[in-house]
Amino acid sequence: MKNPYPLYLLVACCVFLIGSNLFGEEVLRENIPYLRNGLPIQTLTVFRPENAETLLPAVVMYHGGSWKKGTPGQLAQLGNYLAERGIVLVSAGYRLVGKQTEDVGDCVKDAIVAYDWVCRNAESIGVDPDRIAVGGASAGGQLGLSVALLSDSAFEEIAGSERQAPLAYLGLNPVVDTNDPRFLKTFEEYGDDFNPVALLEGGAHLPPTFIAHGQKDAVVPLNTVERFAEIATDQGDEVEIMIFEGQSHGFFNPRKGREKMLNELYVAVFGFLSESFDSAGS
């Protein structure tokens, strides 16, 4: 579960050394409004190669910020990195508690609607509709897990259309237990409805999953993520945790002095997604 050098990381290192931009194109960043099922308009920020000649795989991601703050631009550096290598990153905006809504359930609804919009409109943004993953950072990690773990009926009630299961899940220090005292008040109205660990314990299954986590994370302690992964693997799901020694919550956010660490993270993320998409196509 915590092998620091899985096969996809070694493959990704080789790809990175061969060249940083397989397309030889600049990255196109587009802001696209999405609206489904009568919910307020939000924005998708799409990072993709400017002149790609084929439909590309994509990962739909949600930014962090305690469901109260943050923007899709938080994931811009990762989006540029992946787009240069042929993976589209769609960073989805959603209503923020205390700003556009007072109900964290609206964050989950928007996350589901955004993912569903990408699945239904994939080709219009250069995405292969059969190769779509999901993920998120911190609070956004919980939103991505809601997309991955909610039942088909719960998903379809919100999205208004049939659920397409994501091929993989990518978490950057994701919130995995909303019953944790740090998050309990935010989700008390919903009980375990959107609680990733409870959904797992209730029989839901993860797609192939990669989680990057700081060893000194005090907001989402590493042991909660390890317990989450253990529950998943005990029921046959594939989960890999990449632990960053000495790092705290939000270690993935670009900062001066983090270049080497972020490159290591991005290489691993690219390798995991590439392997997941390749497996789906085989």
Protein backbone atom coordinates (compact mmCIF):
# COMPACT_ATOMS: atom_id res chain seq x y z
CA MET A 1 0.00 0.00 0.00
CA LYS A 2 2.86 2.39 0.71
CA ASN A 3 5.51 1.18 -1.75
CA PRO A 4 7.44 4.42 -2.52
CA TYR A 5 8.61 3.23 -5.95
CA PRO A 6 5.70 1.61 -7.80
CA LEU A 7 6.07 0.67 -11.46
CA TYR A 8 4.14 3.67 -12.74
CA LEU A 9 6.51 6.05 -10.92
CA LEU A 10 9.52 4.47 -12.62
CA VAL A 11 7.79 4.66 -16.01
CA ALA A 12 6.88 8.29 -15.40
CA CYS A 13 10.47 9.14 -14.51
CA CYS A 14 11.56 7.74 -17.88
CA VAL A 15 8.94 9.78 -19.70
CA PHE A 16 9.97 12.93 -17.85
CA LEU A 17 13.59 12.46 -18.81
CA ILE A 18 12.74 11.93 -22.46
CA GLY A 19 10.97 15.26 -22.77
CA SER A 20 8.72 17.64 -20.87
CA ASN A 21 6.28 18.35 -23.69
CA LEU A 22 5.25 15.43 -25.86
CA PHE A 23 3.06 17.60 -28.07
CA GLY A 24 5.43 20.53 -28.64
CA GLU A 25 2.44 22.80 -28.01
CA GLU A 26 1.59 25.54 -25.58
CA VAL A 27 -1.02 24.75 -22.95
CA LEU A 28 -4.43 26.26 -23.60
CA ARG A 29 -6.29 27.42 -20.50
CA GLU A 30 -10.03 27.94 -20.97
CA ASN A 31 -12.75 28.97 -18.54
CA ILE A 32 -16.02 27.27 -19.44
CA PRO A 33 -19.34 27.83 -17.62
CA TYR A 34 -21.35 24.74 -16.76
CA LEU A 35 -24.97 24.50 -15.69
CA ARG A 36 -27.00 21.35 -15.18
CA ASN A 37 -30.22 20.37 -13.47
CA GLY A 38 -31.21 23.97 -12.64
CA LEU A 39 -28.20 24.65 -10.38
CA PRO A 40 -26.29 27.98 -10.43
CA ILE A 41 -23.65 28.47 -13.10
CA GLN A 42 -20.08 27.65 -12.09
CA THR A 43 -16.84 27.54 -14.07
CA LEU A 44 -14.58 24.78 -15.31
CA THR A 45 -10.97 25.76 -15.92
CA VAL A 46 -9.62 23.42 -18.59
CA PHE A 47 -5.89 22.87 -19.16
CA ARG A 48 -5.11 21.09 -22.45
CA PRO A 49 -2.60 21.16 -25.31
CA GLU A 50 -3.55 23.96 -27.68
CA ASN A 51 -3.53 21.97 -30.91
CA ALA A 52 -3.96 18.34 -29.89
CA GLU A 53 -5.09 16.24 -32.87
CA THR A 54 -6.77 13.46 -30.90
CA LEU A 55 -9.15 13.22 -27.97
CA LEU A 56 -7.19 13.02 -24.73
CA PRO A 57 -7.78 11.45 -21.32
CA ALA A 58 -8.77 13.82 -18.52
CA VAL A 59 -8.95 14.14 -14.77
CA VAL A 60 -11.65 16.30 -13.17
CA MET A 61 -10.23 17.92 -10.02
CA TYR A 62 -11.63 20.04 -7.18
CA HIS A 63 -9.58 22.64 -5.31
CA GLY A 64 -9.16 22.78 -1.56
CA GLY A 65 -10.11 25.48 0.94
CA SER A 66 -12.34 23.89 3.63
CA TRP A 67 -15.35 24.15 1.26
CA LYS A 68 -15.23 27.90 2.05
CA LYS A 69 -12.49 29.38 -0.14
CA GLY A 70 -10.13 28.66 -3.00
CA THR A 71 -10.39 28.80 -6.78
CA PRO A 72 -9.83 26.43 -9.71
CA GLY A 73 -6.54 28.24 -10.31
CA GLN A 74 -5.07 26.47 -7.28
CA LEU A 75 -4.38 23.51 -9.55
CA ALA A 76 -2.89 25.51 -12.43
CA GLN A 77 0.70 24.31 -12.10
CA LEU A 78 -0.36 20.66 -12.01
CA GLY A 79 -2.76 21.35 -14.87
CA ASN A 80 -0.01 22.80 -17.04
CA TYR A 81 2.31 19.90 -16.25
CA LEU A 82 -0.24 17.25 -17.18
CA ALA A 83 -1.49 19.08 -20.27
CA GLU A 84 2.06 19.34 -21.63
CA ARG A 85 2.17 15.55 -21.41
CA GLY A 86 -1.18 14.81 -23.00
CA ILE A 87 -3.58 14.62 -20.05
CA VAL A 88 -6.30 17.24 -19.76
CA LEU A 89 -6.94 18.62 -16.28
CA VAL A 90 -10.39 20.09 -15.64
CA SER A 91 -10.37 22.17 -12.44
CA ALA A 92 -13.99 22.60 -11.41
CA GLY A 93 -15.32 25.55 -9.48
CA TYR A 94 -18.13 25.02 -6.99
CA ARG A 95 -20.23 27.12 -4.64
CA LEU A 96 -18.37 28.08 -1.46
CA VAL A 97 -19.89 27.92 2.01
CA GLY A 98 -20.32 31.42 3.44
CA LYS A 99 -20.24 33.01 -0.02
CA GLN A 100 -22.59 31.54 -2.62
CA THR A 101 -24.26 29.10 -0.20
CA GLU A 102 -24.61 28.17 3.46
CA ASP A 103 -24.99 24.47 2.71
CA VAL A 104 -21.96 22.21 2.16
CA GLY A 105 -24.29 19.86 0.33
CA ASP A 106 -24.27 22.39 -2.51
CA CYS A 107 -20.52 21.89 -2.86
CA VAL A 108 -21.13 18.17 -3.37
CA LYS A 109 -23.96 18.82 -5.82
CA ASP A 110 -21.78 21.14 -7.89
CA ALA A 111 -18.93 18.62 -7.89
CA ILE A 112 -21.23 15.91 -9.21
CA VAL A 113 -22.78 18.21 -11.82
CA ALA A 114 -19.31 19.34 -12.98
CA TYR A 115 -18.07 15.78 -13.40
CA ASP A 116 -21.26 14.80 -15.19
CA TRP A 117 -20.98 17.84 -17.50
CA VAL A 118 -17.45 16.81 -18.50
CA CYS A 119 -18.61 13.24 -19.19
CA ARG A 120 -21.53 14.44 -21.33
CA ASN A 121 -19.59 17.15 -23.18
CA ALA A 122 -16.15 15.54 -23.28
CA GLU A 123 -15.49 15.78 -27.01
CA SER A 124 -16.34 19.49 -27.09
CA ILE A 125 -13.31 20.16 -24.85
CA GLY A 126 -11.00 17.65 -26.54
CA VAL A 127 -11.52 14.84 -24.01
CA ASP A 128 -11.98 11.13 -24.66
CA PRO A 129 -15.33 10.33 -22.97
CA ASP A 130 -14.14 6.81 -22.16
CA ARG A 131 -11.05 7.94 -20.23
CA ILE A 132 -12.05 10.26 -17.40
CA ALA A 133 -10.71 10.17 -13.84
CA VAL A 134 -11.61 12.27 -10.81
CA GLY A 135 -9.75 13.72 -7.85
CA GLY A 136 -9.21 16.67 -5.58
CA ALA A 137 -7.15 18.44 -2.98
CA SER A 138 -8.04 18.56 0.72
CA ALA A 139 -11.76 19.48 0.89
CA GLY A 140 -11.83 19.00 -2.87
CA GLY A 141 -10.53 15.49 -2.28
CA GLN A 142 -13.73 14.74 -0.35
CA LEU A 143 -15.76 16.11 -3.28
CA GLY A 144 -13.88 13.84 -5.69
CA LEU A 145 -14.49 10.88 -3.40
CA SER A 146 -18.20 11.70 -3.36
CA VAL A 147 -18.20 11.43 -7.16
CA ALA A 148 -16.33 8.12 -6.95
CA LEU A 149 -18.23 6.51 -4.06
CA LEU A 150 -21.85 7.66 -4.11
CA SER A 151 -24.37 5.12 -5.31
CA ASP A 152 -25.63 5.35 -8.87
CA SER A 153 -29.06 6.40 -7.64
CA ALA A 154 -27.72 9.16 -5.36
CA PHE A 155 -25.48 10.45 -8.16
CA GLU A 156 -28.27 10.39 -10.73
CA GLU A 157 -30.71 12.17 -8.40
CA ILE A 158 -28.30 15.12 -8.29
CA ALA A 159 -26.93 15.04 -11.84
CA GLY A 160 -30.16 14.24 -13.59
CA SER A 161 -28.44 11.69 -15.81
CA GLU A 162 -26.87 8.24 -15.63
CA ARG A 163 -23.58 8.00 -13.75
CA GLN A 164 -20.35 7.23 -15.57
CA ALA A 165 -17.90 5.72 -13.10
CA PRO A 166 -14.48 7.40 -13.04
CA LEU A 167 -11.53 5.27 -14.14
CA ALA A 168 -9.27 6.42 -11.30
CA TYR A 169 -9.10 8.67 -8.24
CA LEU A 170 -6.28 11.11 -7.44
CA GLY A 171 -6.17 12.64 -3.94
CA LEU A 172 -3.86 15.35 -2.62
CA ASN A 173 -4.13 15.17 1.19
CA PRO A 174 -7.88 14.48 0.79
CA VAL A 175 -10.45 14.68 3.56
CA VAL A 176 -11.57 11.06 3.94
CA ASP A 177 -13.68 11.21 7.12
CA THR A 178 -16.24 13.98 7.60
CA ASN A 179 -17.03 12.63 11.08
CA ASP A 180 -13.60 13.81 12.18
CA PRO A 181 -14.09 16.54 14.82
CA ARG A 182 -12.45 19.07 12.47
CA PHE A 183 -15.23 18.61 9.91
CA LEU A 184 -18.18 17.21 11.87
CA LYS A 185 -19.99 20.54 12.30
CA THR A 186 -19.74 21.30 8.58
CA PHE A 187 -21.41 18.00 7.66
CA GLU A 188 -23.63 17.37 10.69
CA GLU A 189 -26.83 17.89 8.66
CA TYR A 190 -25.82 15.10 6.29
CA GLY A 191 -24.55 12.45 8.70
CA ASP A 192 -22.62 9.91 6.65
CA ASP A 193 -24.28 10.72 3.31
CA PHE A 194 -21.09 12.25 1.90
CA ASN A 195 -18.56 10.68 4.28
CA PRO A 196 -15.97 8.76 2.22
CA VAL A 197 -14.95 6.28 4.90
CA ALA A 198 -18.58 5.52 5.79
CA LEU A 199 -19.45 5.01 2.12
CA LEU A 200 -16.58 2.53 1.88
CA GLU A 201 -17.71 0.71 5.00
CA GLY A 202 -21.20 0.59 3.50
CA GLY A 203 -19.94 -1.40 0.53
CA ALA A 204 -18.94 1.23 -2.03
CA HIS A 205 -15.77 0.60 -4.03
CA LEU A 206 -12.96 2.87 -5.16
CA PRO A 207 -11.50 2.89 -8.66
CA PRO A 208 -7.68 2.55 -8.75
CA THR A 209 -6.55 5.23 -6.30
CA PHE A 210 -3.42 7.29 -5.70
CA ILE A 211 -3.14 9.52 -2.62
CA ALA A 212 -0.25 11.90 -1.93
CA HIS A 213 -0.05 12.93 1.71
CA GLY A 214 2.18 14.88 4.04
CA GLN A 215 3.60 12.86 6.92
CA LYS A 216 3.06 15.77 9.36
CA ASP A 217 -0.43 16.73 8.16
CA ALA A 218 -2.31 18.02 11.23
CA VAL A 219 -5.54 18.86 9.35
CA VAL A 220 -6.04 15.42 7.80
CA PRO A 221 -3.74 13.19 9.88
CA LEU A 222 -1.93 10.52 7.93
CA ASN A 223 -3.36 7.73 10.08
CA THR A 224 -6.91 8.58 8.95
CA VAL A 225 -5.88 8.20 5.31
CA GLU A 226 -4.04 4.95 6.08
CA ARG A 227 -7.17 3.58 7.77
CA PHE A 228 -9.25 4.61 4.75
CA ALA A 229 -6.82 2.86 2.42
CA GLU A 230 -6.79 -0.26 4.61
CA ILE A 231 -10.59 -0.53 4.46
CA ALA A 232 -10.47 -0.16 0.68
CA THR A 233 -7.70 -2.67 0.11
CA ASP A 234 -9.32 -5.19 2.47
CA GLN A 235 -12.30 -5.25 0.11
CA GLY A 236 -10.13 -5.62 -2.98
CA ASP A 237 -9.66 -2.01 -4.11
CA GLU A 238 -6.28 -0.76 -5.33
CA VAL A 239 -4.90 2.12 -3.25
CA GLU A 240 -1.39 3.60 -3.24
CA ILE A 241 -0.25 6.21 -0.72
CA MET A 242 2.81 8.33 -1.46
CA ILE A 243 4.02 9.87 1.81
CA PHE A 244 6.03 13.09 1.82
CA GLU A 245 8.21 13.03 4.91
CA GLY A 246 8.11 16.13 7.09
CA GLN A 247 5.39 17.79 5.02
CA SER A 248 2.21 19.35 6.41
CA HIS A 249 -1.22 19.98 4.94
CA GLY A 250 -1.23 21.73 1.57
CA PHE A 251 2.32 20.66 0.74
CA PHE A 252 1.30 20.38 -2.92
CA ASN A 253 0.66 24.11 -3.29
CA PRO A 254 3.47 25.77 -5.30
CA ARG A 255 5.92 27.67 -3.09
CA LYS A 256 9.52 28.76 -3.46
CA GLY A 257 11.79 25.93 -2.38
CA ARG A 258 9.29 23.20 -3.19
CA GLU A 259 10.34 22.69 -6.80
CA LYS A 260 12.10 19.36 -6.33
CA MET A 261 9.34 17.92 -4.16
CA LEU A 262 6.59 19.07 -6.55
CA ASN A 263 8.43 17.58 -9.51
CA GLU A 264 8.55 14.26 -7.66
CA LEU A 265 4.82 14.54 -6.98
CA TYR A 266 3.93 15.49 -10.56
CA VAL A 267 5.99 12.66 -12.02
CA ALA A 268 4.18 10.16 -9.79
CA VAL A 269 0.75 11.64 -10.59
CA PHE A 270 1.44 11.53 -14.32
CA GLY A 271 2.64 7.95 -14.08
CA PHE A 272 -0.40 6.83 -12.11
CA LEU A 273 -2.89 8.51 -14.44
CA SER A 274 -1.10 7.28 -17.56
CA GLU A 275 -1.16 3.70 -16.31
CA SER A 276 -4.83 3.97 -15.34
CA PHE A 277 -5.81 5.35 -18.75
CA ASP A 278 -3.65 2.84 -20.61
CA SER A 279 -5.23 -0.03 -18.67
CA ALA A 280 -8.68 1.23 -19.62
CA GLY A 281 -7.75 1.26 -23.28
CA SER A 282 -6.23 -2.21 -23.35
